[in-house]
PDB file of N, CA and C in Angstrom:
ATOM      1  N   MET A   1       5.519  -0.263 -12.620  1.00  0.00           N
ATOM      2  CA  MET A   1       4.423   0.368 -11.936  1.00  0.00           C
ATOM      3  C   MET A   1       3.111  -0.229 -12.453  1.00  0.00           C
ATOM      4  N   LYS A   2       2.286  -0.640 -11.532  1.00  0.00           N
ATOM      5  CA  LYS A   2       1.028  -1.258 -11.905  1.00  0.00           C
ATOM      6  C   LYS A   2      -0.105  -0.245 -11.833  1.00  0.00           C
ATOM      7  N   ARG A   3      -1.236  -0.641 -12.294  1.00  0.00           N
ATOM      8  CA  ARG A   3      -2.421   0.198 -12.296  1.00  0.00           C
ATOM      9  C   ARG A   3      -3.187   0.018 -10.990  1.00  0.00           C
ATOM     10  N   PRO A   4      -3.725   1.119 -10.415  1.00  0.00           N
ATOM     11  CA  PRO A   4      -4.566   0.975  -9.226  1.00  0.00           C
ATOM     12  C   PRO A   4      -5.786   0.105  -9.535  1.00  0.00           C
ATOM     13  N   THR A   5      -6.062  -0.845  -8.646  1.00  0.00           N
ATOM     14  CA  THR A   5      -7.166  -1.781  -8.831  1.00  0.00           C
ATOM     15  C   THR A   5      -8.103  -1.693  -7.632  1.00  0.00           C
ATOM     16  N   LEU A   6      -9.410  -1.697  -7.899  1.00  0.00           N
ATOM     17  CA  LEU A   6     -10.402  -1.665  -6.832  1.00  0.00           C
ATOM     18  C   LEU A   6     -10.514  -3.046  -6.197  1.00  0.00           C
ATOM     19  N   ALA A   7     -10.291  -3.119  -4.882  1.00  0.00           N
ATOM     20  CA  ALA A   7     -10.412  -4.378  -4.138  1.00  0.00           C
ATOM     21  C   ALA A   7     -11.874  -4.582  -3.732  1.00  0.00           C
ATOM     22  N   PRO A   8     -12.256  -5.812  -3.371  1.00  0.00           N
ATOM     23  CA  PRO A   8     -13.646  -6.091  -2.989  1.00  0.00           C
ATOM     24  C   PRO A   8     -14.166  -5.265  -1.808  1.00  0.00           C
ATOM     25  N   ASP A   9     -13.273  -4.744  -0.963  1.00  0.00           N
ATOM     26  CA  ASP A   9     -13.720  -3.944   0.188  1.00  0.00           C
ATOM     27  C   ASP A   9     -13.843  -2.452  -0.137  1.00  0.00           C
ATOM     28  N   GLY A  10     -13.614  -2.070  -1.393  1.00  0.00           N
ATOM     29  CA  GLY A  10     -13.751  -0.681  -1.805  1.00  0.00           C
ATOM     30  C   GLY A  10     -12.476   0.133  -1.755  1.00  0.00           C
ATOM     31  N   THR A  11     -11.372  -0.449  -1.294  1.00  0.00           N
ATOM     32  CA  THR A  11     -10.092   0.258  -1.289  1.00  0.00           C
ATOM     33  C   THR A  11      -9.374   0.010  -2.615  1.00  0.00           C
ATOM     34  N   TYR A  12      -8.391   0.826  -2.901  1.00  0.00           N
ATOM     35  CA  TYR A  12      -7.567   0.628  -4.094  1.00  0.00           C
ATOM     36  C   TYR A  12      -6.205   0.110  -3.684  1.00  0.00           C
ATOM     37  N   VAL A  13      -5.685  -0.824  -4.476  1.00  0.00           N
ATOM     38  CA  VAL A  13      -4.362  -1.386  -4.243  1.00  0.00           C
ATOM     39  C   VAL A  13      -3.579  -1.334  -5.540  1.00  0.00           C
ATOM     40  N   ASP A  14      -2.272  -1.518  -5.434  1.00  0.00           N
ATOM     41  CA  ASP A  14      -1.387  -1.512  -6.588  1.00  0.00           C
ATOM     42  C   ASP A  14      -1.339  -2.908  -7.187  1.00  0.00           C
ATOM     43  N   GLY A  15      -1.987  -3.107  -8.320  1.00  0.00           N
ATOM     44  CA  GLY A  15      -1.982  -4.418  -8.963  1.00  0.00           C
ATOM     45  C   GLY A  15      -3.141  -5.285  -8.510  1.00  0.00           C
ATOM     46  N   THR A  16      -2.888  -6.574  -8.393  1.00  0.00           N
ATOM     47  CA  THR A  16      -3.926  -7.549  -8.052  1.00  0.00           C
ATOM     48  C   THR A  16      -4.218  -7.540  -6.551  1.00  0.00           C
ATOM     49  N   PRO A  17      -5.488  -7.332  -6.141  1.00  0.00           N
ATOM     50  CA  PRO A  17      -5.824  -7.347  -4.713  1.00  0.00           C
ATOM     51  C   PRO A  17      -5.645  -8.745  -4.116  1.00  0.00           C
ATOM     52  N   ARG A  18      -5.004  -8.795  -2.934  1.00  0.00           N
ATOM     53  CA  ARG A  18      -4.849 -10.062  -2.209  1.00  0.00           C
ATOM     54  C   ARG A  18      -5.381  -9.870  -0.797  1.00  0.00           C
ATOM     55  N   LEU A  19      -6.161 -10.840  -0.343  1.00  0.00           N
ATOM     56  CA  LEU A  19      -6.810 -10.780   0.958  1.00  0.00           C
ATOM     57  C   LEU A  19      -5.830 -11.139   2.072  1.00  0.00           C
ATOM     58  N   CYS A  20      -5.768 -10.277   3.095  1.00  0.00           N
ATOM     59  CA  CYS A  20      -4.918 -10.502   4.270  1.00  0.00           C
ATOM     60  C   CYS A  20      -5.717 -11.229   5.351  1.00  0.00           C
ATOM     61  N   PRO A  21      -5.046 -11.832   6.336  1.00  0.00           N
ATOM     62  CA  PRO A  21      -5.742 -12.545   7.411  1.00  0.00           C
ATOM     63  C   PRO A  21      -6.732 -11.685   8.198  1.00  0.00           C
ATOM     64  N   ASP A  22      -6.523 -10.358   8.232  1.00  0.00           N
ATOM     65  CA  ASP A  22      -7.433  -9.486   8.985  1.00  0.00           C
ATOM     66  C   ASP A  22      -8.588  -8.952   8.150  1.00  0.00           C
ATOM     67  N   GLY A  23      -8.693  -9.387   6.895  1.00  0.00           N
ATOM     68  CA  GLY A  23      -9.795  -8.974   6.031  1.00  0.00           C
ATOM     69  C   GLY A  23      -9.501  -7.757   5.174  1.00  0.00           C
ATOM     70  N   THR A  24      -8.321  -7.147   5.324  1.00  0.00           N
ATOM     71  CA  THR A  24      -7.944  -6.031   4.461  1.00  0.00           C
ATOM     72  C   THR A  24      -7.296  -6.580   3.192  1.00  0.00           C
ATOM     73  N   TYR A  25      -7.034  -5.704   2.245  1.00  0.00           N
ATOM     74  CA  TYR A  25      -6.412  -6.109   0.983  1.00  0.00           C
ATOM     75  C   TYR A  25      -5.111  -5.355   0.762  1.00  0.00           C
ATOM     76  N   VAL A  26      -4.147  -6.037   0.171  1.00  0.00           N
ATOM     77  CA  VAL A  26      -2.899  -5.416  -0.265  1.00  0.00           C
ATOM     78  C   VAL A  26      -2.690  -5.780  -1.728  1.00  0.00           C
ATOM     79  N   GLY A  27      -1.824  -5.022  -2.399  1.00  0.00           N
ATOM     80  CA  GLY A  27      -1.511  -5.298  -3.791  1.00  0.00           C
ATOM     81  C   GLY A  27      -0.469  -6.393  -3.915  1.00  0.00           C
ATOM     82  N   ASP A  28       0.090  -6.505  -5.111  1.00  0.00           N
ATOM     83  CA  ASP A  28       1.036  -7.598  -5.361  1.00  0.00           C
ATOM     84  C   ASP A  28       2.488  -7.122  -5.383  1.00  0.00           C
ATOM     85  N   GLY A  29       2.875  -6.270  -4.420  1.00  0.00           N
ATOM     86  CA  GLY A  29       4.236  -5.763  -4.330  1.00  0.00           C
ATOM     87  C   GLY A  29       5.153  -6.628  -3.497  1.00  0.00           C
ATOM     88  N   GLY A  30       4.832  -7.884  -3.299  1.00  0.00           N
ATOM     89  CA  GLY A  30       5.652  -8.792  -2.496  1.00  0.00           C
ATOM     90  C   GLY A  30       4.753  -9.642  -1.624  1.00  0.00           C
ATOM     91  N   PRO A  31       5.339 -10.487  -0.786  1.00  0.00           N
ATOM     92  CA  PRO A  31       4.526 -11.360   0.062  1.00  0.00           C
ATOM     93  C   PRO A  31       3.729 -10.541   1.090  1.00  0.00           C
ATOM     94  N   ILE A  32       2.577 -11.048   1.491  1.00  0.00           N
ATOM     95  CA  ILE A  32       1.777 -10.399   2.527  1.00  0.00           C
ATOM     96  C   ILE A  32       2.544 -10.516   3.841  1.00  0.00           C
ATOM     97  N   THR A  33       2.835  -9.356   4.461  1.00  0.00           N
ATOM     98  CA  THR A  33       3.672  -9.304   5.652  1.00  0.00           C
ATOM     99  C   THR A  33       2.990  -8.482   6.741  1.00  0.00           C
ATOM    100  N   LEU A  34       3.052  -8.962   7.975  1.00  0.00           N
ATOM    101  CA  LEU A  34       2.524  -8.221   9.109  1.00  0.00           C
ATOM    102  C   LEU A  34       3.582  -7.224   9.580  1.00  0.00           C
ATOM    103  N   ALA A  35       3.225  -5.930   9.553  1.00  0.00           N
ATOM    104  CA  ALA A  35       4.145  -4.876  10.001  1.00  0.00           C
ATOM    105  C   ALA A  35       4.117  -4.785  11.529  1.00  0.00           C
ATOM    106  N   PRO A  36       5.120  -4.159  12.143  1.00  0.00           N
ATOM    107  CA  PRO A  36       5.163  -4.037  13.604  1.00  0.00           C
ATOM    108  C   PRO A  36       3.954  -3.333  14.226  1.00  0.00           C
ATOM    109  N   ASN A  37       3.233  -2.505  13.437  1.00  0.00           N
ATOM    110  CA  ASN A  37       2.060  -1.812  13.973  1.00  0.00           C
ATOM    111  C   ASN A  37       0.775  -2.638  13.870  1.00  0.00           C
ATOM    112  N   GLY A  38       0.892  -3.889  13.407  1.00  0.00           N
ATOM    113  CA  GLY A  38      -0.265  -4.773  13.323  1.00  0.00           C
ATOM    114  C   GLY A  38      -1.026  -4.714  12.015  1.00  0.00           C
ATOM    115  N   LYS A  39      -0.590  -3.892  11.083  1.00  0.00           N
ATOM    116  CA  LYS A  39      -1.233  -3.799   9.772  1.00  0.00           C
ATOM    117  C   LYS A  39      -0.456  -4.653   8.773  1.00  0.00           C
ATOM    118  N   TYR A  40      -1.169  -5.114   7.758  1.00  0.00           N
ATOM    119  CA  TYR A  40      -0.528  -5.912   6.714  1.00  0.00           C
ATOM    120  C   TYR A  40      -0.105  -5.035   5.550  1.00  0.00           C
ATOM    121  N   VAL A  41       1.051  -5.360   4.982  1.00  0.00           N
ATOM    122  CA  VAL A  41       1.574  -4.685   3.798  1.00  0.00           C
ATOM    123  C   VAL A  41       2.037  -5.738   2.813  1.00  0.00           C
ATOM    124  N   ALA A  42       2.224  -5.320   1.566  1.00  0.00           N
ATOM    125  CA  ALA A  42       2.802  -6.200   0.554  1.00  0.00           C
ATOM    126  C   ALA A  42       4.306  -5.965   0.553  1.00  0.00           C
ATOM    127  N   GLY A  43       5.074  -7.001   0.760  1.00  0.00           N
ATOM    128  CA  GLY A  43       6.532  -6.860   0.766  1.00  0.00           C
ATOM    129  C   GLY A  43       7.079  -6.561   2.146  1.00  0.00           C
ATOM    130  N   ARG A  44       8.273  -6.025   2.167  1.00  0.00           N
ATOM    131  CA  ARG A  44       8.964  -5.721   3.428  1.00  0.00           C
ATOM    132  C   ARG A  44       8.450  -4.409   3.998  1.00  0.00           C
ATOM    133  N   PRO A  45       7.966  -4.414   5.257  1.00  0.00           N
ATOM    134  CA  PRO A  45       7.485  -3.168   5.851  1.00  0.00           C
ATOM    135  C   PRO A  45       8.644  -2.197   6.112  1.00  0.00           C
ATOM    136  N   ARG A  46       8.454  -0.960   5.700  1.00  0.00           N
ATOM    137  CA  ARG A  46       9.431   0.103   5.955  1.00  0.00           C
ATOM    138  C   ARG A  46       8.712   1.232   6.651  1.00  0.00           C
ATOM    139  N   ILE A  47       9.330   1.793   7.653  1.00  0.00           N
ATOM    140  CA  ILE A  47       8.685   2.859   8.414  1.00  0.00           C
ATOM    141  C   ILE A  47       8.869   4.195   7.695  1.00  0.00           C
ATOM    142  N   ALA A  48       7.759   4.930   7.579  1.00  0.00           N
ATOM    143  CA  ALA A  48       7.779   6.252   6.961  1.00  0.00           C
ATOM    144  C   ALA A  48       8.014   7.307   8.048  1.00  0.00           C
ATOM    145  N   PRO A  49       8.372   8.521   7.675  1.00  0.00           N
ATOM    146  CA  PRO A  49       8.611   9.572   8.666  1.00  0.00           C
ATOM    147  C   PRO A  49       7.424   9.857   9.592  1.00  0.00           C
ATOM    148  N   ASN A  50       6.208   9.534   9.160  1.00  0.00           N
ATOM    149  CA  ASN A  50       5.030   9.773  10.003  1.00  0.00           C
ATOM    150  C   ASN A  50       4.735   8.610  10.954  1.00  0.00           C
ATOM    151  N   GLY A  51       5.577   7.578  10.943  1.00  0.00           N
ATOM    152  CA  GLY A  51       5.404   6.441  11.844  1.00  0.00           C
ATOM    153  C   GLY A  51       4.580   5.293  11.282  1.00  0.00           C
ATOM    154  N   GLN A  52       3.981   5.470  10.113  1.00  0.00           N
ATOM    155  CA  GLN A  52       3.223   4.403   9.477  1.00  0.00           C
ATOM    156  C   GLN A  52       4.178   3.503   8.685  1.00  0.00           C
ATOM    157  N   TYR A  53       3.715   2.309   8.386  1.00  0.00           N
ATOM    158  CA  TYR A  53       4.533   1.374   7.620  1.00  0.00           C
ATOM    159  C   TYR A  53       4.043   1.293   6.185  1.00  0.00           C
ATOM    160  N   VAL A  54       4.995   1.256   5.263  1.00  0.00           N
ATOM    161  CA  VAL A  54       4.725   1.170   3.834  1.00  0.00           C
ATOM    162  C   VAL A  54       5.355  -0.114   3.331  1.00  0.00           C
ATOM    163  N   GLY A  55       4.621  -0.854   2.511  1.00  0.00           N
ATOM    164  CA  GLY A  55       5.149  -2.079   1.927  1.00  0.00           C
ATOM    165  C   GLY A  55       5.679  -1.825   0.529  1.00  0.00           C
ATOM    166  N   GLY A  56       5.810  -2.888  -0.240  1.00  0.00           N
ATOM    167  CA  GLY A  56       6.291  -2.766  -1.608  1.00  0.00           C
ATOM    168  C   GLY A  56       7.800  -2.882  -1.679  1.00  0.00           C
ATOM    169  N   THR A  57       8.327  -2.640  -2.860  1.00  0.00           N
ATOM    170  CA  THR A  57       9.765  -2.775  -3.082  1.00  0.00           C
ATOM    171  C   THR A  57      10.427  -1.457  -3.460  1.00  0.00           C
ATOM    172  N   ASP A  58       9.630  -0.442  -3.811  1.00  0.00           N
ATOM    173  CA  ASP A  58      10.185   0.857  -4.196  1.00  0.00           C
ATOM    174  C   ASP A  58      10.504   1.698  -2.959  1.00  0.00           C
ATOM    175  N   SER A  59      11.188   2.788  -3.170  1.00  0.00           N
ATOM    176  CA  SER A  59      11.521   3.711  -2.087  1.00  0.00           C
ATOM    177  C   SER A  59      10.257   4.333  -1.500  1.00  0.00           C
ATOM    178  N   VAL A  60      10.309   4.669  -0.215  1.00  0.00           N
ATOM    179  CA  VAL A  60       9.199   5.363   0.440  1.00  0.00           C
ATOM    180  C   VAL A  60       9.243   6.820  -0.006  1.00  0.00           C
ATOM    181  N   MET A  61       8.102   7.300  -0.533  1.00  0.00           N
ATOM    182  CA  MET A  61       8.008   8.665  -1.045  1.00  0.00           C
ATOM    183  C   MET A  61       6.767   9.335  -0.481  1.00  0.00           C
ATOM    184  N   ILE A  62       6.775  10.652  -0.436  1.00  0.00           N
ATOM    185  CA  ILE A  62       5.613  11.396   0.037  1.00  0.00           C
ATOM    186  C   ILE A  62       4.731  11.758  -1.160  1.00  0.00           C
ATOM    187  N   ALA A  63       3.423  11.547  -0.997  1.00  0.00           N
ATOM    188  CA  ALA A  63       2.444  11.871  -2.033  1.00  0.00           C
ATOM    189  C   ALA A  63       1.997  13.331  -1.871  1.00  0.00           C
ATOM    190  N   PRO A  64       1.364  13.906  -2.886  1.00  0.00           N
ATOM    191  CA  PRO A  64       0.916  15.297  -2.793  1.00  0.00           C
ATOM    192  C   PRO A  64      -0.028  15.590  -1.617  1.00  0.00           C
ATOM    193  N   ASP A  65      -0.727  14.573  -1.116  1.00  0.00           N
ATOM    194  CA  ASP A  65      -1.642  14.802   0.012  1.00  0.00           C
ATOM    195  C   ASP A  65      -0.972  14.600   1.367  1.00  0.00           C
ATOM    196  N   GLY A  66       0.336  14.326   1.374  1.00  0.00           N
ATOM    197  CA  GLY A  66       1.071  14.167   2.623  1.00  0.00           C
ATOM    198  C   GLY A  66       1.179  12.739   3.122  1.00  0.00           C
ATOM    199  N   THR A  67       0.543  11.777   2.455  1.00  0.00           N
ATOM    200  CA  THR A  67       0.681  10.378   2.845  1.00  0.00           C
ATOM    201  C   THR A  67       1.974   9.822   2.252  1.00  0.00           C
ATOM    202  N   TYR A  68       2.399   8.694   2.762  1.00  0.00           N
ATOM    203  CA  TYR A  68       3.609   8.053   2.258  1.00  0.00           C
ATOM    204  C   TYR A  68       3.241   6.799   1.489  1.00  0.00           C
ATOM    205  N   VAL A  69       3.909   6.595   0.369  1.00  0.00           N
ATOM    206  CA  VAL A  69       3.648   5.468  -0.515  1.00  0.00           C
ATOM    207  C   VAL A  69       4.966   4.862  -0.960  1.00  0.00           C
ATOM    208  N   ALA A  70       4.900   3.673  -1.542  1.00  0.00           N
ATOM    209  CA  ALA A  70       6.083   3.031  -2.104  1.00  0.00           C
ATOM    210  C   ALA A  70       6.192   3.430  -3.569  1.00  0.00           C
ATOM    211  N   GLY A  71       7.265   4.109  -3.915  1.00  0.00           N
ATOM    212  CA  GLY A  71       7.474   4.518  -5.297  1.00  0.00           C
ATOM    213  C   GLY A  71       6.678   5.759  -5.658  1.00  0.00           C
ATOM    214  N   PRO A  72       6.657   6.098  -6.938  1.00  0.00           N
ATOM    215  CA  PRO A  72       5.928   7.291  -7.368  1.00  0.00           C
ATOM    216  C   PRO A  72       4.445   7.187  -6.999  1.00  0.00           C
ATOM    217  N   ALA A  73       3.891   8.253  -6.448  1.00  0.00           N
ATOM    218  CA  ALA A  73       2.485   8.259  -6.036  1.00  0.00           C
ATOM    219  C   ALA A  73       1.576   8.258  -7.258  1.00  0.00           C
ATOM    220  N   ARG A  74       0.547   7.428  -7.192  1.00  0.00           N
ATOM    221  CA  ARG A  74      -0.473   7.366  -8.237  1.00  0.00           C
ATOM    222  C   ARG A  74      -1.818   7.666  -7.602  1.00  0.00           C
ATOM    223  N   ILE A  75      -2.558   8.577  -8.193  1.00  0.00           N
ATOM    224  CA  ILE A  75      -3.854   8.940  -7.632  1.00  0.00           C
ATOM    225  C   ILE A  75      -4.910   7.935  -8.102  1.00  0.00           C
ATOM    226  N   CYS A  76      -5.787   7.573  -7.191  1.00  0.00           N
ATOM    227  CA  CYS A  76      -6.871   6.629  -7.473  1.00  0.00           C
ATOM    228  C   CYS A  76      -8.164   7.403  -7.731  1.00  0.00           C
ATOM    229  N   PRO A  77      -9.178   6.750  -8.303  1.00  0.00           N
ATOM    230  CA  PRO A  77     -10.446   7.435  -8.558  1.00  0.00           C
ATOM    231  C   PRO A  77     -11.103   8.028  -7.308  1.00  0.00           C
ATOM    232  N   ASN A  78     -10.780   7.499  -6.120  1.00  0.00           N
ATOM    233  CA  ASN A  78     -11.376   8.030  -4.892  1.00  0.00           C
ATOM    234  C   ASN A  78     -10.589   9.207  -4.324  1.00  0.00           C
ATOM    235  N   GLY A  79      -9.530   9.653  -5.022  1.00  0.00           N
ATOM    236  CA  GLY A  79      -8.737  10.802  -4.598  1.00  0.00           C
ATOM    237  C   GLY A  79      -7.573  10.460  -3.682  1.00  0.00           C
ATOM    238  N   ARG A  80      -7.429   9.195  -3.293  1.00  0.00           N
ATOM    239  CA  ARG A  80      -6.315   8.778  -2.437  1.00  0.00           C
ATOM    240  C   ARG A  80      -5.125   8.377  -3.309  1.00  0.00           C
ATOM    241  N   TYR A  81      -3.964   8.393  -2.692  1.00  0.00           N
ATOM    242  CA  TYR A  81      -2.745   8.019  -3.411  1.00  0.00           C
ATOM    243  C   TYR A  81      -2.255   6.641  -2.947  1.00  0.00           C
ATOM    244  N   ILE A  82      -1.732   5.889  -3.905  1.00  0.00           N
ATOM    245  CA  ILE A  82      -1.072   4.611  -3.581  1.00  0.00           C
ATOM    246  C   ILE A  82       0.298   4.614  -4.217  1.00  0.00           C
TER     247      ILE A  82
END
């Protein structure tokens, strides 16, 4: 498990921020991959119960705020979970 890192666009990612072709950032949980919904994720995109795609290599889990994340949810300084 890596530490949440602030990306240049103000979002938090898991580990080292990497720039995607659309200008968003993902962490270092695998190769930058385009998910079926048009968003980029790190690693293999997996669909969560809410219809969003989660990247990374860990299991898809629900965070305390109801969002879905890869692996155990970690809270960031902005109150969001990754």
